[in-house]
Amino acid sequence: MIIETLANQFFRVRETGDPSAAHVWLGIEVKRVRGAYVPKAKAREILVRKLGTRMVEAA
């Protein structure tokens, strides 16, 4: 799933699988190129807060 944060960043995210981390996703930053989302250069997987995000594209 692709989400947009309050900082206008786009991430491809997935659930962490850990109940104590239910307030965050694991995500990698992406950019839009020719109608598709591709990972940014040197992007790595980080924790992304769910609060204040909106879903842009479902998986």
PDB file of N, CA and C in Angstrom:
ATOM      1  N   MET A   1       0.850  -1.159   0.000  1.00  0.00           N
ATOM      2  CA  MET A   1       0.000   0.000   0.000  1.00  0.00           C
ATOM      3  C   MET A   1       0.903   1.232   0.000  1.00  0.00           C
ATOM      4  N   ILE A   2       0.497   2.242  -0.721  1.00  0.00           N
ATOM      5  CA  ILE A   2       1.225   3.510  -0.775  1.00  0.00           C
ATOM      6  C   ILE A   2       0.481   4.519   0.095  1.00  0.00           C
ATOM      7  N   ILE A   3       1.213   5.191   0.986  1.00  0.00           N
ATOM      8  CA  ILE A   3       0.615   6.200   1.857  1.00  0.00           C
ATOM      9  C   ILE A   3       1.361   7.521   1.700  1.00  0.00           C
ATOM     10  N   GLU A   4       0.677   8.605   2.083  1.00  0.00           N
ATOM     11  CA  GLU A   4       1.299   9.928   2.105  1.00  0.00           C
ATOM     12  C   GLU A   4       1.280  10.438   3.538  1.00  0.00           C
ATOM     13  N   THR A   5       2.399  10.949   4.023  1.00  0.00           N
ATOM     14  CA  THR A   5       2.495  11.461   5.382  1.00  0.00           C
ATOM     15  C   THR A   5       2.123  12.941   5.421  1.00  0.00           C
ATOM     16  N   LEU A   6       2.055  13.480   6.623  1.00  0.00           N
ATOM     17  CA  LEU A   6       1.778  14.911   6.778  1.00  0.00           C
ATOM     18  C   LEU A   6       2.897  15.769   6.194  1.00  0.00           C
ATOM     19  N   ALA A   7       4.084  15.197   6.035  1.00  0.00           N
ATOM     20  CA  ALA A   7       5.225  15.913   5.450  1.00  0.00           C
ATOM     21  C   ALA A   7       5.259  15.764   3.931  1.00  0.00           C
ATOM     22  N   ASN A   8       4.171  15.263   3.339  1.00  0.00           N
ATOM     23  CA  ASN A   8       4.046  15.066   1.889  1.00  0.00           C
ATOM     24  C   ASN A   8       5.086  14.107   1.320  1.00  0.00           C
ATOM     25  N   GLN A   9       5.463  13.102   2.100  1.00  0.00           N
ATOM     26  CA  GLN A   9       6.358  12.052   1.631  1.00  0.00           C
ATOM     27  C   GLN A   9       5.512  10.826   1.325  1.00  0.00           C
ATOM     28  N   PHE A  10       5.925  10.052   0.328  1.00  0.00           N
ATOM     29  CA  PHE A  10       5.217   8.840  -0.048  1.00  0.00           C
ATOM     30  C   PHE A  10       6.025   7.623   0.381  1.00  0.00           C
ATOM     31  N   PHE A  11       5.329   6.612   0.927  1.00  0.00           N
ATOM     32  CA  PHE A  11       5.975   5.392   1.388  1.00  0.00           C
ATOM     33  C   PHE A  11       5.183   4.179   0.931  1.00  0.00           C
ATOM     34  N   ARG A  12       5.890   3.110   0.561  1.00  0.00           N
ATOM     35  CA  ARG A  12       5.276   1.797   0.360  1.00  0.00           C
ATOM     36  C   ARG A  12       5.413   1.102   1.708  1.00  0.00           C
ATOM     37  N   VAL A  13       4.284   0.740   2.326  1.00  0.00           N
ATOM     38  CA  VAL A  13       4.304   0.258   3.705  1.00  0.00           C
ATOM     39  C   VAL A  13       3.721  -1.142   3.835  1.00  0.00           C
ATOM     40  N   ARG A  14       4.065  -1.758   4.975  1.00  0.00           N
ATOM     41  CA  ARG A  14       3.506  -3.049   5.374  1.00  0.00           C
ATOM     42  C   ARG A  14       3.435  -3.062   6.894  1.00  0.00           C
ATOM     43  N   GLU A  15       2.623  -3.957   7.431  1.00  0.00           N
ATOM     44  CA  GLU A  15       2.484  -4.074   8.883  1.00  0.00           C
ATOM     45  C   GLU A  15       3.773  -4.624   9.490  1.00  0.00           C
ATOM     46  N   THR A  16       4.031  -4.276  10.754  1.00  0.00           N
ATOM     47  CA  THR A  16       5.244  -4.737  11.422  1.00  0.00           C
ATOM     48  C   THR A  16       5.111  -6.166  11.917  1.00  0.00           C
ATOM     49  N   GLY A  17       3.890  -6.599  12.238  1.00  0.00           N
ATOM     50  CA  GLY A  17       3.689  -7.937  12.780  1.00  0.00           C
ATOM     51  C   GLY A  17       3.950  -8.012  14.276  1.00  0.00           C
ATOM     52  N   ASP A  18       4.204  -6.890  14.910  1.00  0.00           N
ATOM     53  CA  ASP A  18       4.482  -6.826  16.343  1.00  0.00           C
ATOM     54  C   ASP A  18       3.357  -6.041  17.017  1.00  0.00           C
ATOM     55  N   PRO A  19       2.612  -6.672  17.947  1.00  0.00           N
ATOM     56  CA  PRO A  19       1.496  -5.964  18.591  1.00  0.00           C
ATOM     57  C   PRO A  19       1.921  -4.698  19.343  1.00  0.00           C
ATOM     58  N   SER A  20       3.136  -4.654  19.847  1.00  0.00           N
ATOM     59  CA  SER A  20       3.581  -3.461  20.574  1.00  0.00           C
ATOM     60  C   SER A  20       3.912  -2.309  19.623  1.00  0.00           C
ATOM     61  N   ALA A  21       3.998  -2.595  18.332  1.00  0.00           N
ATOM     62  CA  ALA A  21       4.287  -1.558  17.335  1.00  0.00           C
ATOM     63  C   ALA A  21       3.103  -1.376  16.391  1.00  0.00           C
ATOM     64  N   ALA A  22       1.888  -1.492  16.922  1.00  0.00           N
ATOM     65  CA  ALA A  22       0.683  -1.389  16.094  1.00  0.00           C
ATOM     66  C   ALA A  22       0.440   0.037  15.594  1.00  0.00           C
ATOM     67  N   HIS A  23       1.131   1.014  16.155  1.00  0.00           N
ATOM     68  CA  HIS A  23       0.940   2.419  15.758  1.00  0.00           C
ATOM     69  C   HIS A  23       1.857   2.846  14.614  1.00  0.00           C
ATOM     70  N   VAL A  24       2.661   1.923  14.091  1.00  0.00           N
ATOM     71  CA  VAL A  24       3.590   2.258  13.005  1.00  0.00           C
ATOM     72  C   VAL A  24       3.551   1.195  11.916  1.00  0.00           C
ATOM     73  N   TRP A  25       4.016   1.573  10.730  1.00  0.00           N
ATOM     74  CA  TRP A  25       4.223   0.651   9.618  1.00  0.00           C
ATOM     75  C   TRP A  25       5.716   0.579   9.342  1.00  0.00           C
ATOM     76  N   LEU A  26       6.145  -0.470   8.666  1.00  0.00           N
ATOM     77  CA  LEU A  26       7.479  -0.520   8.079  1.00  0.00           C
ATOM     78  C   LEU A  26       7.329  -0.008   6.660  1.00  0.00           C
ATOM     79  N   GLY A  27       8.106   0.984   6.283  1.00  0.00           N
ATOM     80  CA  GLY A  27       7.931   1.564   4.957  1.00  0.00           C
ATOM     81  C   GLY A  27       9.230   1.992   4.319  1.00  0.00           C
ATOM     82  N   ILE A  28       9.212   2.035   3.005  1.00  0.00           N
ATOM     83  CA  ILE A  28      10.348   2.514   2.221  1.00  0.00           C
ATOM     84  C   ILE A  28       9.857   3.701   1.397  1.00  0.00           C
ATOM     85  N   GLU A  29      10.645   4.781   1.376  1.00  0.00           N
ATOM     86  CA  GLU A  29      10.226   5.998   0.675  1.00  0.00           C
ATOM     87  C   GLU A  29      10.243   5.767  -0.835  1.00  0.00           C
ATOM     88  N   VAL A  30       9.189   6.238  -1.504  1.00  0.00           N
ATOM     89  CA  VAL A  30       9.052   6.068  -2.950  1.00  0.00           C
ATOM     90  C   VAL A  30       8.769   7.419  -3.599  1.00  0.00           C
ATOM     91  N   LYS A  31       8.924   7.459  -4.924  1.00  0.00           N
ATOM     92  CA  LYS A  31       8.565   8.646  -5.703  1.00  0.00           C
ATOM     93  C   LYS A  31       7.737   8.201  -6.891  1.00  0.00           C
ATOM     94  N   ARG A  32       6.977   9.124  -7.436  1.00  0.00           N
ATOM     95  CA  ARG A  32       6.108   8.809  -8.571  1.00  0.00           C
ATOM     96  C   ARG A  32       6.855   9.087  -9.872  1.00  0.00           C
ATOM     97  N   VAL A  33       6.962   8.063 -10.712  1.00  0.00           N
ATOM     98  CA  VAL A  33       7.646   8.172 -12.001  1.00  0.00           C
ATOM     99  C   VAL A  33       6.756   7.549 -13.060  1.00  0.00           C
ATOM    100  N   ARG A  34       6.295   8.367 -14.004  1.00  0.00           N
ATOM    101  CA  ARG A  34       5.461   7.902 -15.120  1.00  0.00           C
ATOM    102  C   ARG A  34       4.259   7.068 -14.650  1.00  0.00           C
ATOM    103  N   GLY A  35       3.583   7.538 -13.628  1.00  0.00           N
ATOM    104  CA  GLY A  35       2.375   6.873 -13.173  1.00  0.00           C
ATOM    105  C   GLY A  35       2.592   5.699 -12.247  1.00  0.00           C
ATOM    106  N   ALA A  36       3.835   5.397 -11.891  1.00  0.00           N
ATOM    107  CA  ALA A  36       4.134   4.288 -10.982  1.00  0.00           C
ATOM    108  C   ALA A  36       4.975   4.815  -9.821  1.00  0.00           C
ATOM    109  N   TYR A  37       5.000   4.066  -8.738  1.00  0.00           N
ATOM    110  CA  TYR A  37       5.809   4.435  -7.585  1.00  0.00           C
ATOM    111  C   TYR A  37       7.056   3.565  -7.553  1.00  0.00           C
ATOM    112  N   VAL A  38       8.226   4.210  -7.512  1.00  0.00           N
ATOM    113  CA  VAL A  38       9.501   3.492  -7.478  1.00  0.00           C
ATOM    114  C   VAL A  38      10.284   3.948  -6.250  1.00  0.00           C
ATOM    115  N   PRO A  39      11.062   3.040  -5.647  1.00  0.00           N
ATOM    116  CA  PRO A  39      11.855   3.430  -4.468  1.00  0.00           C
ATOM    117  C   PRO A  39      12.849   4.540  -4.803  1.00  0.00           C
ATOM    118  N   LYS A  40      13.018   5.457  -3.870  1.00  0.00           N
ATOM    119  CA  LYS A  40      14.002   6.523  -4.049  1.00  0.00           C
ATOM    120  C   LYS A  40      15.406   5.937  -3.928  1.00  0.00           C
ATOM    121  N   ALA A  41      16.381   6.616  -4.511  1.00  0.00           N
ATOM    122  CA  ALA A  41      17.771   6.175  -4.425  1.00  0.00           C
ATOM    123  C   ALA A  41      18.214   6.159  -2.961  1.00  0.00           C
ATOM    124  N   LYS A  42      18.896   5.122  -2.573  1.00  0.00           N
ATOM    125  CA  LYS A  42      19.425   4.940  -1.215  1.00  0.00           C
ATOM    126  C   LYS A  42      18.331   4.871  -0.153  1.00  0.00           C
ATOM    127  N   ALA A  43      17.097   4.566  -0.539  1.00  0.00           N
ATOM    128  CA  ALA A  43      16.003   4.449   0.429  1.00  0.00           C
ATOM    129  C   ALA A  43      16.171   3.153   1.209  1.00  0.00           C
ATOM    130  N   ARG A  44      15.854   3.213   2.494  1.00  0.00           N
ATOM    131  CA  ARG A  44      15.905   2.019   3.320  1.00  0.00           C
ATOM    132  C   ARG A  44      14.613   1.923   4.109  1.00  0.00           C
ATOM    133  N   GLU A  45      14.317   0.755   4.632  1.00  0.00           N
ATOM    134  CA  GLU A  45      13.074   0.548   5.357  1.00  0.00           C
ATOM    135  C   GLU A  45      13.156   1.215   6.730  1.00  0.00           C
ATOM    136  N   ILE A  46      12.147   2.039   7.039  1.00  0.00           N
ATOM    137  CA  ILE A  46      12.090   2.744   8.315  1.00  0.00           C
ATOM    138  C   ILE A  46      10.688   2.598   8.899  1.00  0.00           C
ATOM    139  N   LEU A  47      10.534   3.002  10.159  1.00  0.00           N
ATOM    140  CA  LEU A  47       9.220   3.014  10.793  1.00  0.00           C
ATOM    141  C   LEU A  47       8.503   4.309  10.427  1.00  0.00           C
ATOM    142  N   VAL A  48       7.236   4.185  10.020  1.00  0.00           N
ATOM    143  CA  VAL A  48       6.419   5.334   9.615  1.00  0.00           C
ATOM    144  C   VAL A  48       5.180   5.352  10.502  1.00  0.00           C
ATOM    145  N   ARG A  49       4.931   6.472  11.180  1.00  0.00           N
ATOM    146  CA  ARG A  49       3.765   6.583  12.058  1.00  0.00           C
ATOM    147  C   ARG A  49       2.474   6.554  11.256  1.00  0.00           C
ATOM    148  N   LYS A  50       1.476   5.856  11.770  1.00  0.00           N
ATOM    149  CA  LYS A  50       0.175   5.780  11.101  1.00  0.00           C
ATOM    150  C   LYS A  50      -0.628   7.066  11.283  1.00  0.00           C
ATOM    151  N   LEU A  51      -0.428   7.742  12.394  1.00  0.00           N
ATOM    152  CA  LEU A  51      -1.189   8.944  12.708  1.00  0.00           C
ATOM    153  C   LEU A  51      -0.934  10.031  11.667  1.00  0.00           C
ATOM    154  N   GLY A  52      -1.980  10.538  11.071  1.00  0.00           N
ATOM    155  CA  GLY A  52      -1.860  11.636  10.123  1.00  0.00           C
ATOM    156  C   GLY A  52      -1.500  11.228   8.712  1.00  0.00           C
ATOM    157  N   THR A  53      -1.608   9.948   8.378  1.00  0.00           N
ATOM    158  CA  THR A  53      -1.303   9.520   7.014  1.00  0.00           C
ATOM    159  C   THR A  53      -2.598   9.274   6.256  1.00  0.00           C
ATOM    160  N   ARG A  54      -2.489   9.276   4.943  1.00  0.00           N
ATOM    161  CA  ARG A  54      -3.650   8.915   4.128  1.00  0.00           C
ATOM    162  C   ARG A  54      -3.206   7.926   3.062  1.00  0.00           C
ATOM    163  N   MET A  55      -4.096   6.989   2.751  1.00  0.00           N
ATOM    164  CA  MET A  55      -3.788   5.978   1.754  1.00  0.00           C
ATOM    165  C   MET A  55      -3.949   6.584   0.364  1.00  0.00           C
ATOM    166  N   VAL A  56      -2.932   6.415  -0.470  1.00  0.00           N
ATOM    167  CA  VAL A  56      -2.948   6.936  -1.831  1.00  0.00           C
ATOM    168  C   VAL A  56      -3.315   5.828  -2.808  1.00  0.00           C
ATOM    169  N   GLU A  57      -2.760   4.649  -2.589  1.00  0.00           N
ATOM    170  CA  GLU A  57      -2.989   3.530  -3.499  1.00  0.00           C
ATOM    171  C   GLU A  57      -2.964   2.233  -2.694  1.00  0.00           C
ATOM    172  N   ALA A  58      -3.983   1.398  -2.885  1.00  0.00           N
ATOM    173  CA  ALA A  58      -4.032   0.111  -2.189  1.00  0.00           C
ATOM    174  C   ALA A  58      -3.157  -0.904  -2.913  1.00  0.00           C
ATOM    175  N   ALA A  59      -2.694  -1.866  -2.160  1.00  0.00           N
ATOM    176  CA  ALA A  59      -1.823  -2.896  -2.760  1.00  0.00           C
ATOM    177  C   ALA A  59      -2.622  -3.954  -3.461  1.00  0.00           C
TER     178      ALA A  59
END
